[in-house]
C-alpha atoms as a PDB file:
ATOM      1  CA  UNK A   1     -13.579  13.400  29.569  1.00  0.00           C
ATOM      2  CA  UNK A   2     -13.160  12.835  25.615  1.00  0.00           C
ATOM      3  CA  UNK A   3      -9.644  12.670  24.752  1.00  0.00           C
ATOM      4  CA  UNK A   4      -7.538  13.638  21.604  1.00  0.00           C
ATOM      5  CA  UNK A   5      -7.005   9.879  20.649  1.00  0.00           C
ATOM      6  CA  UNK A   6     -10.856   9.296  20.617  1.00  0.00           C
ATOM      7  CA  UNK A   7     -11.437  12.226  18.389  1.00  0.00           C
ATOM      8  CA  UNK A   8      -8.424  11.322  16.122  1.00  0.00           C
ATOM      9  CA  UNK A   9     -10.213   7.923  15.918  1.00  0.00           C
ATOM     10  CA  UNK A  10     -13.389   9.739  15.175  1.00  0.00           C
ATOM     11  CA  UNK A  11     -11.674  11.494  12.313  1.00  0.00           C
ATOM     12  CA  UNK A  12     -10.141   8.487  10.913  1.00  0.00           C
ATOM     13  CA  UNK A  13     -13.285   6.781  10.471  1.00  0.00           C
ATOM     14  CA  UNK A  14     -15.204   9.580   8.998  1.00  0.00           C
ATOM     15  CA  UNK A  15     -12.165   9.744   6.320  1.00  0.00           C
ATOM     16  CA  UNK A  16     -12.192   5.949   5.506  1.00  0.00           C
ATOM     17  CA  UNK A  17     -15.699   5.029   6.203  1.00  0.00           C
ATOM     18  CA  UNK A  18     -14.307   1.657   7.036  1.00  0.00           C
ATOM     19  CA  UNK A  19     -13.453   0.316  10.424  1.00  0.00           C
ATOM     20  CA  UNK A  20     -10.493  -1.914   9.312  1.00  0.00           C
ATOM     21  CA  UNK A  21      -9.017   0.847   7.160  1.00  0.00           C
ATOM     22  CA  UNK A  22      -9.682   3.384  10.184  1.00  0.00           C
ATOM     23  CA  UNK A  23      -7.904   1.006  12.619  1.00  0.00           C
ATOM     24  CA  UNK A  24      -4.883   0.624  10.369  1.00  0.00           C
ATOM     25  CA  UNK A  25      -4.754   4.246   9.874  1.00  0.00           C
ATOM     26  CA  UNK A  26      -4.417   4.794  13.512  1.00  0.00           C
ATOM     27  CA  UNK A  27      -2.308   1.708  14.284  1.00  0.00           C
ATOM     28  CA  UNK A  28      -4.774  -0.116  16.288  1.00  0.00           C
ATOM     29  CA  UNK A  29      -6.512  -3.593  15.976  1.00  0.00           C
ATOM     30  CA  UNK A  30      -9.794  -3.291  14.663  1.00  0.00           C
ATOM     31  CA  UNK A  31     -11.423  -4.453  18.075  1.00  0.00           C
ATOM     32  CA  UNK A  32      -9.478  -1.887  19.947  1.00  0.00           C
ATOM     33  CA  UNK A  33     -10.769   0.656  17.203  1.00  0.00           C
ATOM     34  CA  UNK A  34     -14.280  -0.351  17.860  1.00  0.00           C
ATOM     35  CA  UNK A  35     -14.146   0.081  21.378  1.00  0.00           C
ATOM     36  CA  UNK A  36     -12.689   3.404  21.052  1.00  0.00           C
ATOM     37  CA  UNK A  37     -15.661   4.369  18.873  1.00  0.00           C
ATOM     38  CA  UNK A  38     -18.232   2.557  21.035  1.00  0.00           C
ATOM     39  CA  UNK A  39     -16.621   4.313  24.189  1.00  0.00           C
ATOM     40  CA  UNK A  40     -16.938   7.798  22.459  1.00  0.00           C
ATOM     41  CA  UNK A  41     -20.816   7.028  21.914  1.00  0.00           C
ATOM     42  CA  UNK A  42     -21.395   6.004  25.403  1.00  0.00           C
ATOM     43  CA  UNK A  43     -19.559   9.110  26.896  1.00  0.00           C
ATOM     44  CA  UNK A  44     -21.544  11.483  24.365  1.00  0.00           C
ATOM     45  CA  UNK A  45     -24.677   9.672  24.652  1.00  0.00           C
ATOM     46  CA  UNK A  46     -24.893   9.843  20.740  1.00  0.00           C
ATOM     47  CA  UNK A  47     -25.174   7.751  17.969  1.00  0.00           C
ATOM     48  CA  UNK A  48     -22.225   8.889  15.960  1.00  0.00           C
ATOM     49  CA  UNK A  49     -22.251   6.506  12.692  1.00  0.00           C
ATOM     50  CA  UNK A  50     -25.071   4.589  10.898  1.00  0.00           C
ATOM     51  CA  UNK A  51     -24.596   1.671   8.743  1.00  0.00           C
ATOM     52  CA  UNK A  52     -26.798   1.055   5.594  1.00  0.00           C
ATOM     53  CA  UNK A  53     -26.388  -1.276   2.934  1.00  0.00           C
ATOM     54  CA  UNK A  54     -23.044  -2.016   4.021  1.00  0.00           C
ATOM     55  CA  UNK A  55     -22.153   1.862   4.067  1.00  0.00           C
ATOM     56  CA  UNK A  56     -20.867   3.628   7.145  1.00  0.00           C
ATOM     57  CA  UNK A  57     -22.116   7.074   7.259  1.00  0.00           C
ATOM     58  CA  UNK A  58     -22.014   9.599  10.177  1.00  0.00           C
ATOM     59  CA  UNK A  59     -25.413  10.671  11.698  1.00  0.00           C
ATOM     60  CA  UNK A  60     -26.212  14.267  12.277  1.00  0.00           C
ATOM     61  CA  UNK A  61     -25.045  14.033  15.568  1.00  0.00           C
ATOM     62  CA  UNK A  62     -21.887  12.539  14.487  1.00  0.00           C
ATOM     63  CA  UNK A  63     -21.041  15.130  11.530  1.00  0.00           C
ATOM     64  CA  UNK A  64     -21.869  17.824  14.325  1.00  0.00           C
ATOM     65  CA  UNK A  65     -18.806  16.269  16.734  1.00  0.00           C
ATOM     66  CA  UNK A  66     -16.684  15.456  13.421  1.00  0.00           C
ATOM     67  CA  UNK A  67     -16.476  19.195  12.637  1.00  0.00           C
ATOM     68  CA  UNK A  68     -15.631  20.221  16.195  1.00  0.00           C
ATOM     69  CA  UNK A  69     -13.270  17.481  16.610  1.00  0.00           C
ATOM     70  CA  UNK A  70     -11.371  18.507  13.347  1.00  0.00           C
ATOM     71  CA  UNK A  71     -10.610  22.035  14.895  1.00  0.00           C
ATOM     72  CA  UNK A  72      -9.750  20.567  18.239  1.00  0.00           C
ATOM     73  CA  UNK A  73      -6.890  18.166  16.741  1.00  0.00           C
ATOM     74  CA  UNK A  74      -5.394  20.611  14.437  1.00  0.00           C
ATOM     75  CA  UNK A  75      -5.335  23.157  17.640  1.00  0.00           C
ATOM     76  CA  UNK A  76      -3.674  20.423  19.642  1.00  0.00           C
ATOM     77  CA  UNK A  77      -0.973  19.570  16.860  1.00  0.00           C
ATOM     78  CA  UNK A  78      -0.352  23.548  16.843  1.00  0.00           C
ATOM     79  CA  UNK A  79       0.186  23.526  20.277  1.00  0.00           C
ATOM     80  CA  UNK A  80       2.511  20.617  20.275  1.00  0.00           C
ATOM     81  CA  UNK A  81       4.487  22.322  17.521  1.00  0.00           C
ATOM     82  CA  UNK A  82       4.757  25.801  19.146  1.00  0.00           C
ATOM     83  CA  UNK A  83       6.151  24.051  22.358  1.00  0.00           C
ATOM     84  CA  UNK A  84       8.585  22.114  20.245  1.00  0.00           C
ATOM     85  CA  UNK A  85       9.601  25.440  18.446  1.00  0.00           C
ATOM     86  CA  UNK A  86       9.829  27.211  22.055  1.00  0.00           C
ATOM     87  CA  UNK A  87      12.213  24.592  23.349  1.00  0.00           C
ATOM     88  CA  UNK A  88      14.508  24.743  20.364  1.00  0.00           C
ATOM     89  CA  UNK A  89      14.797  28.470  20.237  1.00  0.00           C
ATOM     90  CA  UNK A  90      14.898  28.555  16.691  1.00  0.00           C
ATOM     91  CA  UNK A  91      13.121  27.112  13.299  1.00  0.00           C
ATOM     92  CA  UNK A  92      15.622  24.493  11.873  1.00  0.00           C
ATOM     93  CA  UNK A  93      13.556  23.575   8.958  1.00  0.00           C
ATOM     94  CA  UNK A  94      10.344  24.736   6.641  1.00  0.00           C
ATOM     95  CA  UNK A  95       8.214  22.751   4.430  1.00  0.00           C
ATOM     96  CA  UNK A  96       5.904  24.244   2.420  1.00  0.00           C
ATOM     97  CA  UNK A  97       4.093  23.623  -1.217  1.00  0.00           C
ATOM     98  CA  UNK A  98       3.743  25.359  -4.574  1.00  0.00           C
ATOM     99  CA  UNK A  99       1.279  24.296  -7.337  1.00  0.00           C
ATOM    100  CA  UNK A 100       2.667  24.111 -11.020  1.00  0.00           C
ATOM    101  CA  UNK A 101       2.407  27.595 -11.959  1.00  0.00           C
ATOM    102  CA  UNK A 102       3.444  29.310  -9.001  1.00  0.00           C
ATOM    103  CA  UNK A 103       6.439  26.857  -8.814  1.00  0.00           C
ATOM    104  CA  UNK A 104       7.201  28.102 -12.706  1.00  0.00           C
ATOM    105  CA  UNK A 105       6.767  31.688 -12.036  1.00  0.00           C
ATOM    106  CA  UNK A 106       7.202  32.554  -8.171  1.00  0.00           C
ATOM    107  CA  UNK A 107       8.852  30.014  -6.186  1.00  0.00           C
ATOM    108  CA  UNK A 108      12.480  30.369  -7.494  1.00  0.00           C
ATOM    109  CA  UNK A 109      13.132  33.927  -6.275  1.00  0.00           C
ATOM    110  CA  UNK A 110      11.504  33.214  -2.917  1.00  0.00           C
ATOM    111  CA  UNK A 111      13.790  30.106  -2.259  1.00  0.00           C
ATOM    112  CA  UNK A 112      16.781  32.266  -2.997  1.00  0.00           C
ATOM    113  CA  UNK A 113      15.791  34.637  -0.807  1.00  0.00           C
ATOM    114  CA  UNK A 114      14.990  32.208   2.032  1.00  0.00           C
ATOM    115  CA  UNK A 115      18.266  30.600   1.481  1.00  0.00           C
ATOM    116  CA  UNK A 116      20.151  33.858   1.781  1.00  0.00           C
ATOM    117  CA  UNK A 117      18.069  34.990   4.901  1.00  0.00           C
ATOM    118  CA  UNK A 118      18.119  31.677   6.815  1.00  0.00           C
ATOM    119  CA  UNK A 119      20.931  29.743   5.512  1.00  0.00           C
ATOM    120  CA  UNK A 120      21.036  27.173   8.367  1.00  0.00           C
ATOM    121  CA  UNK A 121      17.117  26.327   7.831  1.00  0.00           C
ATOM    122  CA  UNK A 122      16.667  23.244   5.866  1.00  0.00           C
ATOM    123  CA  UNK A 123      13.860  23.773   3.038  1.00  0.00           C
ATOM    124  CA  UNK A 124      11.554  21.117   1.848  1.00  0.00           C
ATOM    125  CA  UNK A 125       9.241  22.380  -1.065  1.00  0.00           C
ATOM    126  CA  UNK A 126       6.574  20.002  -2.513  1.00  0.00           C
ATOM    127  CA  UNK A 127       5.304  20.468  -6.081  1.00  0.00           C
ATOM    128  CA  UNK A 128       1.915  19.161  -6.422  1.00  0.00           C
ATOM    129  CA  UNK A 129      -1.778  19.857  -7.573  1.00  0.00           C
ATOM    130  CA  UNK A 130      -3.809  22.065  -5.242  1.00  0.00           C
ATOM    131  CA  UNK A 131      -5.892  18.890  -4.107  1.00  0.00           C
ATOM    132  CA  UNK A 132      -2.450  17.105  -3.044  1.00  0.00           C
ATOM    133  CA  UNK A 133      -1.152  20.008  -1.351  1.00  0.00           C
ATOM    134  CA  UNK A 134      -4.346  20.469   0.833  1.00  0.00           C
ATOM    135  CA  UNK A 135      -3.999  16.754   1.882  1.00  0.00           C
ATOM    136  CA  UNK A 136      -0.532  17.635   3.011  1.00  0.00           C
ATOM    137  CA  UNK A 137      -1.539  20.667   4.854  1.00  0.00           C
ATOM    138  CA  UNK A 138      -4.155  18.832   6.721  1.00  0.00           C
ATOM    139  CA  UNK A 139      -1.839  16.180   7.797  1.00  0.00           C
ATOM    140  CA  UNK A 140       0.678  18.850   9.274  1.00  0.00           C
ATOM    141  CA  UNK A 141       3.232  17.977   6.489  1.00  0.00           C
ATOM    142  CA  UNK A 142       3.594  21.256   5.113  1.00  0.00           C
ATOM    143  CA  UNK A 143       3.212  24.683   6.944  1.00  0.00           C
ATOM    144  CA  UNK A 144       1.471  26.471   4.008  1.00  0.00           C
ATOM    145  CA  UNK A 145       1.089  26.227   0.235  1.00  0.00           C
ATOM    146  CA  UNK A 146       0.673  28.603  -2.797  1.00  0.00           C
ATOM    147  CA  UNK A 147      -1.504  27.227  -5.538  1.00  0.00           C
ATOM    148  CA  UNK A 148      -4.630  27.883  -7.598  1.00  0.00           C
ATOM    149  CA  UNK A 149      -7.428  27.877  -5.035  1.00  0.00           C
ATOM    150  CA  UNK A 150     -10.392  27.793  -7.463  1.00  0.00           C
ATOM    151  CA  UNK A 151     -11.176  24.274  -6.724  1.00  0.00           C
ATOM    152  CA  UNK A 152     -10.577  24.305  -2.924  1.00  0.00           C
ATOM    153  CA  UNK A 153     -13.809  24.965  -0.814  1.00  0.00           C
ATOM    154  CA  UNK A 154     -13.495  27.481   1.954  1.00  0.00           C
ATOM    155  CA  UNK A 155     -13.525  26.222   5.599  1.00  0.00           C
ATOM    156  CA  UNK A 156     -13.250  27.623   9.104  1.00  0.00           C
ATOM    157  CA  UNK A 157      -9.939  25.819   9.571  1.00  0.00           C
ATOM    158  CA  UNK A 158      -8.352  27.093   6.272  1.00  0.00           C
ATOM    159  CA  UNK A 159      -6.984  30.739   5.789  1.00  0.00           C
ATOM    160  CA  UNK A 160      -6.622  31.819   2.188  1.00  0.00           C
ATOM    161  CA  UNK A 161      -4.680  34.945   1.339  1.00  0.00           C
ATOM    162  CA  UNK A 162      -4.988  35.984  -2.253  1.00  0.00           C
ATOM    163  CA  UNK A 163      -1.965  36.856  -4.255  1.00  0.00           C
ATOM    164  CA  UNK A 164      -2.545  37.337  -7.889  1.00  0.00           C
ATOM    165  CA  UNK A 165      -4.772  36.247 -10.685  1.00  0.00           C
ATOM    166  CA  UNK A 166      -2.679  34.626 -13.775  1.00  0.00           C
ATOM    167  CA  UNK A 167      -4.687  34.612 -16.958  1.00  0.00           C
ATOM    168  CA  UNK A 168      -4.241  31.498 -19.402  1.00  0.00           C
ATOM    169  CA  UNK A 169      -4.258  31.034 -23.139  1.00  0.00           C
ATOM    170  CA  UNK A 170      -3.214  28.447 -25.692  1.00  0.00           C
ATOM    171  CA  UNK A 171       0.211  28.505 -26.939  1.00  0.00           C
ATOM    172  CA  UNK A 172       1.975  26.901 -29.800  1.00  0.00           C
ATOM    173  CA  UNK A 173       5.546  26.819 -31.411  1.00  0.00           C
ATOM    174  CA  UNK A 174       6.499  29.643 -33.669  1.00  0.00           C
ATOM    175  CA  UNK A 175       5.756  27.954 -37.547  1.00  0.00           C
ATOM    176  CA  UNK A 176       2.886  25.979 -35.904  1.00  0.00           C
ATOM    177  CA  UNK A 177      -0.084  25.663 -38.570  1.00  0.00           C
ATOM    178  CA  UNK A 178      -2.371  27.628 -36.108  1.00  0.00           C
ATOM    179  CA  UNK A 179       0.251  30.077 -35.272  1.00  0.00           C
ATOM    180  CA  UNK A 180      -1.246  32.841 -37.558  1.00  0.00           C
ATOM    181  CA  UNK A 181      -5.085  33.769 -38.152  1.00  0.00           C
ATOM    182  CA  UNK A 182      -7.861  32.884 -36.050  1.00  0.00           C
ATOM    183  CA  UNK A 183      -9.053  29.531 -35.327  1.00  0.00           C
ATOM    184  CA  UNK A 184     -11.522  27.621 -33.187  1.00  0.00           C
ATOM    185  CA  UNK A 185     -10.733  25.571 -29.830  1.00  0.00           C
ATOM    186  CA  UNK A 186     -11.907  22.451 -32.039  1.00  0.00           C
ATOM    187  CA  UNK A 187      -9.125  23.216 -34.557  1.00  0.00           C
ATOM    188  CA  UNK A 188      -6.734  23.347 -31.624  1.00  0.00           C
ATOM    189  CA  UNK A 189      -7.756  20.184 -29.914  1.00  0.00           C
ATOM    190  CA  UNK A 190      -7.050  18.183 -33.095  1.00  0.00           C
ATOM    191  CA  UNK A 191      -3.402  18.887 -32.564  1.00  0.00           C
ATOM    192  CA  UNK A 192      -3.622  17.810 -28.980  1.00  0.00           C
ATOM    193  CA  UNK A 193      -3.509  19.874 -25.834  1.00  0.00           C
ATOM    194  CA  UNK A 194      -0.935  19.735 -23.059  1.00  0.00           C
ATOM    195  CA  UNK A 195      -1.915  21.048 -19.669  1.00  0.00           C
ATOM    196  CA  UNK A 196      -1.325  20.816 -15.845  1.00  0.00           C
ATOM    197  CA  UNK A 197      -4.032  18.643 -14.063  1.00  0.00           C
ATOM    198  CA  UNK A 198      -7.099  20.604 -14.465  1.00  0.00           C
ATOM    199  CA  UNK A 199      -9.752  21.439 -11.651  1.00  0.00           C
ATOM    200  CA  UNK A 200     -13.312  20.272 -12.663  1.00  0.00           C
ATOM    201  CA  UNK A 201     -14.487  23.726 -13.297  1.00  0.00           C
ATOM    202  CA  UNK A 202     -12.002  24.055 -15.962  1.00  0.00           C
ATOM    203  CA  UNK A 203     -12.722  20.507 -17.344  1.00  0.00           C
ATOM    204  CA  UNK A 204     -16.389  21.376 -17.572  1.00  0.00           C
ATOM    205  CA  UNK A 205     -15.662  24.371 -19.497  1.00  0.00           C
ATOM    206  CA  UNK A 206     -13.694  22.331 -22.187  1.00  0.00           C
ATOM    207  CA  UNK A 207     -16.660  19.966 -22.277  1.00  0.00           C
ATOM    208  CA  UNK A 208     -18.846  22.683 -23.115  1.00  0.00           C
ATOM    209  CA  UNK A 209     -16.641  23.889 -25.831  1.00  0.00           C
ATOM    210  CA  UNK A 210     -16.325  20.524 -27.523  1.00  0.00           C
ATOM    211  CA  UNK A 211     -20.179  19.882 -27.535  1.00  0.00           C
ATOM    212  CA  UNK A 212     -20.433  21.873 -30.705  1.00  0.00           C
ATOM    213  CA  UNK A 213     -19.173  18.952 -32.359  1.00  0.00           C
ATOM    214  CA  UNK A 214     -21.330  16.625 -30.152  1.00  0.00           C
ATOM    215  CA  UNK A 215     -18.189  14.751 -28.863  1.00  0.00           C
ATOM    216  CA  UNK A 216     -17.801  13.909 -25.449  1.00  0.00           C
ATOM    217  CA  UNK A 217     -14.514  15.310 -24.018  1.00  0.00           C
ATOM    218  CA  UNK A 218     -11.657  12.732 -24.260  1.00  0.00           C
ATOM    219  CA  UNK A 219      -8.492  12.811 -22.465  1.00  0.00           C
ATOM    220  CA  UNK A 220      -5.904  15.714 -22.832  1.00  0.00           C
ATOM    221  CA  UNK A 221      -2.763  14.710 -25.029  1.00  0.00           C
ATOM    222  CA  UNK A 222      -0.690  15.207 -21.762  1.00  0.00           C
ATOM    223  CA  UNK A 223      -1.350  16.008 -18.226  1.00  0.00           C
ATOM    224  CA  UNK A 224       1.296  16.956 -16.119  1.00  0.00           C
ATOM    225  CA  UNK A 225       2.283  19.317 -13.430  1.00  0.00           C
ATOM    226  CA  UNK A 226       5.851  19.879 -14.854  1.00  0.00           C
ATOM    227  CA  UNK A 227       5.257  23.286 -16.517  1.00  0.00           C
ATOM    228  CA  UNK A 228       8.759  23.428 -18.074  1.00  0.00           C
ATOM    229  CA  UNK A 229       8.013  20.065 -19.418  1.00  0.00           C
ATOM    230  CA  UNK A 230       4.834  21.112 -21.160  1.00  0.00           C
ATOM    231  CA  UNK A 231       6.320  24.018 -22.749  1.00  0.00           C
ATOM    232  CA  UNK A 232       9.527  21.929 -24.064  1.00  0.00           C
ATOM    233  CA  UNK A 233       6.982  19.614 -25.526  1.00  0.00           C
ATOM    234  CA  UNK A 234       5.235  22.344 -27.329  1.00  0.00           C
ATOM    235  CA  UNK A 235       8.502  23.849 -28.671  1.00  0.00           C
ATOM    236  CA  UNK A 236       9.479  20.461 -30.418  1.00  0.00           C
ATOM    237  CA  UNK A 237       5.927  19.168 -31.400  1.00  0.00           C
ATOM    238  CA  UNK A 238       2.641  20.458 -32.866  1.00  0.00           C
ATOM    239  CA  UNK A 239       1.108  19.742 -29.316  1.00  0.00           C
ATOM    240  CA  UNK A 240      -0.665  23.320 -28.125  1.00  0.00           C
ATOM    241  CA  UNK A 241      -0.036  23.901 -24.564  1.00  0.00           C
ATOM    242  CA  UNK A 242      -2.562  25.374 -21.985  1.00  0.00           C
ATOM    243  CA  UNK A 243      -0.466  27.876 -19.938  1.00  0.00           C
ATOM    244  CA  UNK A 244      -0.510  31.357 -18.116  1.00  0.00           C
ATOM    245  CA  UNK A 245       0.720  34.042 -19.629  1.00  0.00           C
ATOM    246  CA  UNK A 246       3.037  34.526 -16.764  1.00  0.00           C
ATOM    247  CA  UNK A 247       4.534  31.127 -17.376  1.00  0.00           C
ATOM    248  CA  UNK A 248       4.835  31.126 -20.899  1.00  0.00           C
ATOM    249  CA  UNK A 249       6.464  34.756 -20.752  1.00  0.00           C
ATOM    250  CA  UNK A 250      10.261  33.354 -20.976  1.00  0.00           C
ATOM    251  CA  UNK A 251       9.484  31.315 -24.204  1.00  0.00           C
ATOM    252  CA  UNK A 252       7.405  34.309 -25.691  1.00  0.00           C
ATOM    253  CA  UNK A 253      10.358  36.608 -24.976  1.00  0.00           C
ATOM    254  CA  UNK A 254      12.599  34.393 -26.955  1.00  0.00           C
ATOM    255  CA  UNK A 255      10.193  34.305 -29.682  1.00  0.00           C
ATOM    256  CA  UNK A 256       9.851  30.547 -29.548  1.00  0.00           C
ATOM    257  CA  UNK A 257       6.075  30.322 -28.486  1.00  0.00           C
ATOM    258  CA  UNK A 258       3.254  32.333 -29.755  1.00  0.00           C
ATOM    259  CA  UNK A 259      -0.400  33.025 -28.190  1.00  0.00           C
ATOM    260  CA  UNK A 260      -3.016  31.518 -30.440  1.00  0.00           C
ATOM    261  CA  UNK A 261      -5.863  33.446 -31.338  1.00  0.00           C
ATOM    262  CA  UNK A 262      -8.718  31.182 -30.349  1.00  0.00           C
ATOM    263  CA  UNK A 263     -11.786  33.029 -30.915  1.00  0.00           C
ATOM    264  CA  UNK A 264     -14.365  30.827 -28.651  1.00  0.00           C
ATOM    265  CA  UNK A 265     -11.839  30.245 -26.000  1.00  0.00           C
ATOM    266  CA  UNK A 266     -13.335  31.686 -22.859  1.00  0.00           C
ATOM    267  CA  UNK A 267     -11.303  34.225 -20.566  1.00  0.00           C
ATOM    268  CA  UNK A 268      -9.730  31.561 -18.033  1.00  0.00           C
ATOM    269  CA  UNK A 269      -7.532  32.448 -15.079  1.00  0.00           C
ATOM    270  CA  UNK A 270      -5.894  30.861 -12.139  1.00  0.00           C
ATOM    271  CA  UNK A 271      -6.584  32.443  -8.740  1.00  0.00           C
ATOM    272  CA  UNK A 272      -3.289  32.123  -6.869  1.00  0.00           C
ATOM    273  CA  UNK A 273      -3.476  32.173  -2.993  1.00  0.00           C
ATOM    274  CA  UNK A 274      -1.301  31.255   0.205  1.00  0.00           C
ATOM    275  CA  UNK A 275      -3.218  28.632   1.984  1.00  0.00           C
ATOM    276  CA  UNK A 276      -2.516  27.992   5.731  1.00  0.00           C
ATOM    277  CA  UNK A 277      -4.384  26.562   8.840  1.00  0.00           C
ATOM    278  CA  UNK A 278      -6.333  28.983  10.599  1.00  0.00           C
ATOM    279  CA  UNK A 279      -5.156  30.259  14.135  1.00  0.00           C
ATOM    280  CA  UNK A 280      -1.890  28.835  13.469  1.00  0.00           C
ATOM    281  CA  UNK A 281       1.249  30.733  14.670  1.00  0.00           C
ATOM    282  CA  UNK A 282       3.699  30.636  11.944  1.00  0.00           C
ATOM    283  CA  UNK A 283       7.564  30.234  12.380  1.00  0.00           C
ATOM    284  CA  UNK A 284       9.669  33.050  11.661  1.00  0.00           C
ATOM    285  CA  UNK A 285      10.937  31.551   8.453  1.00  0.00           C
ATOM    286  CA  UNK A 286       7.296  30.590   7.412  1.00  0.00           C
ATOM    287  CA  UNK A 287       6.533  34.336   8.019  1.00  0.00           C
ATOM    288  CA  UNK A 288       9.198  35.435   5.950  1.00  0.00           C
ATOM    289  CA  UNK A 289       8.362  33.183   3.039  1.00  0.00           C
ATOM    290  CA  UNK A 290       4.873  34.115   2.716  1.00  0.00           C
ATOM    291  CA  UNK A 291       5.792  38.025   2.722  1.00  0.00           C
ATOM    292  CA  UNK A 292       8.231  37.224   0.055  1.00  0.00           C
ATOM    293  CA  UNK A 293       5.604  35.546  -2.100  1.00  0.00           C
ATOM    294  CA  UNK A 294       3.425  38.655  -1.516  1.00  0.00           C
ATOM    295  CA  UNK A 295       6.241  41.077  -2.607  1.00  0.00           C
ATOM    296  CA  UNK A 296       6.680  39.120  -5.726  1.00  0.00           C
ATOM    297  CA  UNK A 297       3.412  40.057  -7.019  1.00  0.00           C
ATOM    298  CA  UNK A 298       3.473  43.888  -5.898  1.00  0.00           C
END
């Protein structure tokens, strides 16, 4: 019979593609880890990994088992967690994540409501990029996250619940040289553009825009997941910020920032969703929190 430890060892080797690193990840010596993988191959009668030119890669049979092992391990962790919740009788903490723009536009009201409804619950909110939040979710470090899912591949072990679409434009301070009239993206780029860490599809779009001048895409003037810092920078310099309309609204309402008229800038948007693990029973406070996020966009 296979056991969960063996399946976790299998997943560790798939993730690291290196025996020593995988052994360290699961807190085993390398010989003990190698014996575990060998035992798994004997038990299944399958060759799970192959070595070519120093590379360790799963065989088709290995990938078959890896896909199923991932589901089983996630389910086992969910069972352990649900038993713990049942024994305690109530949830004492909630850890969830938010991406940069949901943090700036949605999270504050939700957190305030959670504190009012569950004053004894300890909250932990992680603010990070979607890729970083996904890694935390798969490690069971957070229960769910709310972020742009444009760069997240769908998988059977993930549940995505669409919330809203936030459209984006370029913004600059009132009085900026580009604040009036129509301009090109190339002109805006010359002043430096600040943005959150962009997913690959958006970077490719910017690269295409700059190909008109036969230049490779240089780095952004500032990449930062603190949306408030990005807008503050734009208020005090000629830096142009790439932001969503909803995130920029407080500064627009105060007549501190203006949306630039960039004639060749494509319609960009961020698809915001709630992401959690499939077939997972949410804690009462997590169910309340996700319901609150949904209510904020009605």
